[in-house]
Amino acid sequence: MATTVEISIAGRGEADAPLLGDLIEQIQDFFAMLNGVAETIAGDTTERFDWKVVGLSKNSPARIIVEAVALPGHADGPDLAARARDVTVGGLRQIISQGERPLYWNDNVIESADRFLRRISGSLAATSVGSLDPNSPELTVGTAAAVQALKNVELVREAEPVHPYRELGSFEGYIQNVGTDGWGRPFIIVKSRLTGGDVKCFLSGEALRALEGEPVAQVVWRNRRVTAIGVLKYRSVGRLSQAEVSRLDFADPEKLLPQLKDIIDPDFTHGLSSHDHLERVRNGEA
């Protein structure tokens, strides 16, 4: 059976007529969600399918039906589209009922879902999503459900972000703050010296003992420089957002970087000019 998606959009105006901008943007955001889920399932950003319109209705409410078509070299594209469709609809149902990130929903999907739901809580009365396949899930989101879902979206945003990859390593920065999260886990916020971004570092073992041994004034008020070592979690390529830190190396606040006068040795050439000294080096005499 062909992979299809059917979307019905009801506005708050006369005869459920939505505004043109709301209609177009609501469709765009749903497929932004679906395509984002497909990328996460596939594990890459390769486009394997596209959508063609196979049905339109101006009856109340406005309705559109699209069908997934395989792109060249990706005969399995519609199958991926079908799975992504079902996961997206299931994720919407989950986000209405609980504040946990649905499976395969990355941050981009969350942002699209936020826009999708905000229209339903504002200028749209409801949006229904289904398929011509009777076995695929269907869902109608009305105003009350959208309002609840938006509250849960905020809970997902406040929770630990999705980390596409992680690695053992270290980074250097300056401590901005210390605290504990809702589960009592101690952490520090470190401003990365390389990127300037804030990184939330959860501490354990040797790292926690090292922090406990430092005066608060030295750690926070003076922006103590530190090297954090452990599991680094990246939100995207090169974008470090969190770390599980097992070791902290504090830089000595009294130790200044070497100055020019500390590096230059006036007796390096033993009184010779630079030209004469280099000449001796070339001749093997120095």
Protein backbone atom coordinates (compact mmCIF):
# COMPACT_ATOMS: atom_id res chain seq x y z
CA MET A 1 0.00 0.00 0.00
CA ALA A 2 1.20 3.50 -0.80
CA THR A 3 2.50 5.65 2.08
CA THR A 4 0.10 8.56 2.53
CA VAL A 5 -0.54 11.34 5.02
CA GLU A 6 -3.90 13.08 5.40
CA ILE A 7 -4.07 16.39 7.25
CA SER A 8 -7.25 18.26 8.14
CA ILE A 9 -6.94 21.81 9.47
CA ALA A 10 -9.83 23.67 11.07
CA GLY A 11 -9.66 27.40 11.68
CA ARG A 12 -11.65 29.49 14.14
CA GLY A 13 -13.29 31.57 11.44
CA GLU A 14 -16.55 31.07 9.63
CA ALA A 15 -17.12 27.47 8.43
CA ASP A 16 -13.84 26.36 10.03
CA ALA A 17 -11.90 28.25 7.36
CA PRO A 18 -8.22 28.70 8.35
CA LEU A 19 -6.13 31.66 7.28
CA LEU A 20 -3.91 30.91 4.30
CA GLY A 21 -0.68 31.48 6.24
CA ASP A 22 -1.81 29.18 9.06
CA LEU A 23 -2.80 26.46 6.59
CA ILE A 24 0.52 26.51 4.73
CA GLU A 25 2.72 26.82 7.83
CA GLN A 26 0.83 24.09 9.70
CA ILE A 27 1.45 21.67 6.84
CA GLN A 28 5.09 22.72 6.60
CA ASP A 29 5.71 22.22 10.31
CA PHE A 30 4.11 18.79 10.39
CA PHE A 31 6.32 17.60 7.54
CA ALA A 32 9.33 19.27 9.13
CA MET A 33 8.60 17.07 12.15
CA LEU A 34 8.09 13.95 10.02
CA ASN A 35 11.22 14.51 7.93
CA GLY A 36 13.28 15.23 11.07
CA VAL A 37 12.11 11.96 12.61
CA ALA A 38 13.01 10.15 9.36
CA GLU A 39 16.55 11.56 9.50
CA THR A 40 16.96 10.41 13.09
CA ILE A 41 15.67 6.92 12.28
CA ALA A 42 17.97 6.62 9.23
CA GLY A 43 20.94 8.10 11.08
CA ASP A 44 21.82 10.61 8.34
CA THR A 45 20.40 13.52 6.35
CA THR A 46 20.18 11.72 2.99
CA GLU A 47 16.85 12.47 1.29
CA ARG A 48 15.21 9.15 0.41
CA PHE A 49 11.66 10.27 -0.41
CA ASP A 50 9.56 13.26 -1.36
CA TRP A 51 5.85 14.05 -1.12
CA LYS A 52 3.33 14.63 -3.91
CA VAL A 53 -0.19 15.95 -3.46
CA VAL A 54 -2.81 13.37 -4.42
CA GLY A 55 -5.91 14.91 -2.85
CA LEU A 56 -7.32 18.31 -1.90
CA SER A 57 -10.65 19.23 -0.37
CA LYS A 58 -12.15 22.62 0.37
CA ASN A 59 -14.97 21.12 2.39
CA SER A 60 -15.00 22.02 6.07
CA PRO A 61 -12.40 21.49 7.42
CA ALA A 62 -9.70 21.99 4.77
CA ARG A 63 -7.97 18.69 3.92
CA ILE A 64 -4.88 17.62 1.99
CA ILE A 65 -3.61 14.13 1.12
CA VAL A 66 -0.01 13.51 0.08
CA GLU A 67 1.85 10.39 -0.97
CA ALA A 68 5.50 9.50 -0.42
CA VAL A 69 7.51 8.87 -3.60
CA ALA A 70 10.94 7.26 -3.67
CA LEU A 71 13.87 9.36 -4.80
CA PRO A 72 16.34 7.79 -7.28
CA GLY A 73 18.42 5.06 -5.66
CA HIS A 74 16.18 4.80 -2.60
CA ALA A 75 13.41 2.33 -3.34
CA ASP A 76 12.84 1.90 0.40
CA GLY A 77 12.11 5.62 0.84
CA PRO A 78 8.31 5.24 1.21
CA ASP A 79 8.82 2.55 3.87
CA LEU A 80 10.97 4.97 5.88
CA ALA A 81 8.34 7.68 5.36
CA ALA A 82 5.62 5.36 6.70
CA ARG A 83 7.61 4.56 9.83
CA ALA A 84 8.45 8.22 10.38
CA ARG A 85 4.77 9.15 9.95
CA ASP A 86 3.67 6.68 12.60
CA VAL A 87 6.46 7.69 15.00
CA THR A 88 5.61 11.38 14.55
CA VAL A 89 1.89 10.86 15.24
CA GLY A 90 2.73 8.64 18.21
CA GLY A 91 5.13 11.28 19.48
CA LEU A 92 2.44 13.96 19.31
CA ARG A 93 0.10 11.73 21.29
CA GLN A 94 2.85 11.16 23.88
CA ILE A 95 3.78 14.83 24.23
CA ILE A 96 0.14 15.65 24.96
CA SER A 97 0.05 13.22 27.88
CA GLN A 98 3.55 13.47 29.39
CA GLY A 99 6.63 15.66 29.56
CA GLU A 100 9.11 13.15 28.15
CA ARG A 101 10.91 13.39 24.83
CA PRO A 102 9.34 11.01 22.29
CA LEU A 103 11.55 8.49 20.56
CA TYR A 104 13.49 9.89 17.57
CA TRP A 105 12.45 13.47 18.36
CA ASN A 106 15.57 15.64 18.18
CA ASP A 107 15.65 19.36 19.04
CA ASN A 108 14.61 20.39 15.53
CA VAL A 109 11.51 18.19 15.75
CA ILE A 110 10.69 19.70 19.15
CA GLU A 111 10.89 23.22 17.70
CA SER A 112 8.60 22.30 14.78
CA ALA A 113 6.15 20.66 17.18
CA ASP A 114 6.11 23.81 19.31
CA ARG A 115 5.06 25.95 16.32
CA PHE A 116 2.53 23.30 15.20
CA LEU A 117 0.89 23.24 18.65
CA ARG A 118 0.95 27.00 19.20
CA ARG A 119 -1.21 27.58 16.13
CA ILE A 120 -3.79 25.13 17.47
CA SER A 121 -3.81 26.97 20.80
CA GLY A 122 -4.22 30.27 18.95
CA SER A 123 -5.68 30.87 15.51
CA LEU A 124 -6.55 27.26 14.63
CA ALA A 125 -9.30 25.22 16.27
CA ALA A 126 -7.88 21.75 15.55
CA THR A 127 -5.58 19.72 13.32
CA SER A 128 -6.11 16.06 12.47
CA VAL A 129 -3.44 13.76 11.08
CA GLY A 130 -4.05 10.31 9.62
CA SER A 131 -3.60 8.20 6.51
CA LEU A 132 -5.51 6.26 3.88
CA ASP A 133 -4.03 3.17 5.54
CA PRO A 134 -6.60 2.06 8.15
CA ASN A 135 -3.84 0.44 10.21
CA SER A 136 -1.82 3.63 10.70
CA PRO A 137 -2.42 5.80 13.81
CA GLU A 138 -4.67 8.85 13.65
CA LEU A 139 -4.78 11.85 15.95
CA THR A 140 -6.85 15.01 16.34
CA VAL A 141 -5.31 17.80 18.39
CA GLY A 142 -7.72 20.41 19.72
CA THR A 143 -7.10 23.54 21.76
CA ALA A 144 -7.06 21.92 25.21
CA ALA A 145 -4.70 19.16 24.08
CA ALA A 146 -2.39 21.70 22.40
CA VAL A 147 -2.17 23.82 25.56
CA GLN A 148 -1.25 20.77 27.64
CA ALA A 149 1.24 19.60 25.02
CA LEU A 150 2.99 22.99 25.03
CA LYS A 151 3.53 22.68 28.79
CA ASN A 152 5.10 19.27 28.22
CA VAL A 153 7.27 20.64 25.40
CA GLU A 154 8.77 23.06 27.93
CA LEU A 155 9.50 20.15 30.29
CA VAL A 156 11.31 18.37 27.46
CA ARG A 157 13.34 21.50 26.70
CA GLU A 158 14.39 21.81 30.35
CA ALA A 159 15.47 18.18 30.50
CA GLU A 160 18.80 16.86 29.27
CA PRO A 161 19.22 17.66 25.55
CA VAL A 162 19.70 15.04 22.88
CA HIS A 163 23.38 14.26 22.39
CA PRO A 164 24.03 12.77 18.94
CA TYR A 165 27.53 11.73 20.02
CA ARG A 166 29.85 11.75 23.02
CA GLU A 167 33.56 11.18 23.55
CA LEU A 168 36.20 10.92 26.24
CA GLY A 169 38.23 14.10 26.42
CA SER A 170 38.77 17.42 28.15
CA PHE A 171 38.13 21.10 27.69
CA GLU A 172 39.31 24.25 29.43
CA GLY A 173 37.28 27.16 30.67
CA TYR A 174 36.20 29.36 33.55
CA ILE A 175 33.76 28.36 36.28
CA GLN A 176 30.63 30.54 36.23
CA ASN A 177 28.39 28.85 38.78
CA VAL A 178 27.92 25.81 41.01
CA GLY A 179 24.77 24.03 42.11
CA THR A 180 22.69 20.86 42.17
CA ASP A 181 19.91 19.75 39.82
CA GLY A 182 16.44 18.47 40.73
CA TRP A 183 17.88 15.05 41.57
CA GLY A 184 20.57 16.45 43.84
CA ARG A 185 23.42 15.90 41.39
CA PRO A 186 26.22 18.47 41.86
CA PHE A 187 27.30 20.42 38.79
CA ILE A 188 29.30 23.43 37.70
CA ILE A 189 28.77 25.72 34.71
CA VAL A 190 32.00 26.24 32.80
CA LYS A 191 32.40 28.85 30.06
CA SER A 192 34.52 27.20 27.38
CA ARG A 193 37.71 29.14 26.68
CA LEU A 194 37.59 27.98 23.06
CA THR A 195 33.95 28.67 22.11
CA GLY A 196 32.68 30.95 24.85
CA GLY A 197 29.67 28.66 25.33
CA ASP A 198 28.42 27.52 28.75
CA VAL A 199 28.81 23.80 29.47
CA LYS A 200 26.95 22.07 32.30
CA CYS A 201 29.37 19.66 33.99
CA PHE A 202 28.07 16.99 36.38
CA LEU A 203 30.75 16.01 38.90
CA SER A 204 31.62 12.68 40.48
CA GLY A 205 34.51 11.01 42.26
CA GLU A 206 37.82 12.84 42.14
CA ALA A 207 36.27 15.88 40.42
CA LEU A 208 33.72 16.36 43.19
CA ARG A 209 36.38 16.03 45.89
CA ALA A 210 38.58 18.55 44.08
CA LEU A 211 35.74 21.10 43.97
CA GLU A 212 34.86 20.56 47.64
CA GLY A 213 38.47 21.36 48.54
CA GLU A 214 38.35 24.80 46.91
CA PRO A 215 37.05 27.98 48.63
CA VAL A 216 33.86 29.35 47.06
CA ALA A 217 35.48 32.74 46.49
CA GLN A 218 38.31 31.15 44.54
CA VAL A 219 35.99 28.94 42.47
CA VAL A 220 33.17 31.28 41.46
CA TRP A 221 33.83 34.89 42.34
CA ARG A 222 37.20 34.90 40.57
CA ASN A 223 36.10 32.82 37.56
CA ARG A 224 38.57 30.08 38.40
CA ARG A 225 40.21 28.56 35.32
CA VAL A 226 39.84 24.80 35.16
CA THR A 227 40.36 21.83 32.86
CA ALA A 228 37.42 19.40 32.99
CA ILE A 229 38.13 15.78 32.04
CA GLY A 230 35.52 13.08 31.41
CA VAL A 231 32.74 12.18 28.98
CA LEU A 232 31.94 15.15 26.74
CA LYS A 233 28.43 15.27 25.27
CA TYR A 234 27.83 17.17 22.02
CA ARG A 235 24.48 18.58 20.88
CA SER A 236 25.82 18.69 17.31
CA VAL A 237 29.20 18.55 15.59
CA GLY A 238 31.60 20.74 17.58
CA ARG A 239 28.84 22.01 19.88
CA LEU A 240 29.63 20.82 23.41
CA SER A 241 26.69 21.22 25.76
CA GLN A 242 27.23 18.90 28.73
CA ALA A 243 29.85 16.71 30.37
CA GLU A 244 30.14 13.95 32.97
CA VAL A 245 33.35 15.07 34.69
CA SER A 246 35.50 12.68 36.70
CA ARG A 247 38.52 14.97 37.16
CA LEU A 248 39.06 18.71 37.56
CA ASP A 249 42.47 20.34 37.19
CA PHE A 250 42.47 23.86 38.63
CA ALA A 251 44.94 26.40 37.26
CA ASP A 252 46.99 28.10 39.97
CA PRO A 253 45.42 31.57 40.33
CA GLU A 254 48.74 32.97 41.57
CA LYS A 255 50.69 31.67 38.62
CA LEU A 256 50.90 34.22 35.81
CA LEU A 257 51.57 33.44 32.19
CA PRO A 258 55.23 33.96 31.16
CA GLN A 259 56.12 37.44 29.98
CA LEU A 260 58.36 38.40 27.08
CA LYS A 261 61.24 39.16 29.43
CA ASP A 262 60.95 35.61 30.80
CA ILE A 263 61.36 34.11 27.34
CA ILE A 264 64.15 36.24 25.88
CA ASP A 265 67.71 35.22 26.85
CA PRO A 266 70.07 38.15 26.19
CA ASP A 267 73.08 35.81 26.42
CA PHE A 268 71.69 33.28 23.95
CA THR A 269 74.19 34.27 21.20
CA HIS A 270 77.05 34.96 23.66
CA GLY A 271 77.36 38.54 22.47
CA LEU A 272 77.30 37.74 18.75
CA SER A 273 74.90 39.42 16.33
CA SER A 274 72.05 37.31 15.07
CA HIS A 275 73.71 37.16 11.62
CA ASP A 276 77.03 35.89 13.02
CA HIS A 277 75.29 33.44 15.34
CA LEU A 278 73.23 31.92 12.51
CA GLU A 279 76.32 31.68 10.38
CA ARG A 280 78.05 29.66 13.08
CA VAL A 281 74.99 27.41 13.43
CA ARG A 282 75.01 26.71 9.68
CA ASN A 283 78.73 25.92 9.80
CA GLY A 284 78.30 23.64 12.80
CA GLU A 285 80.39 25.86 15.03
CA ALA A 286 77.68 26.74 17.57
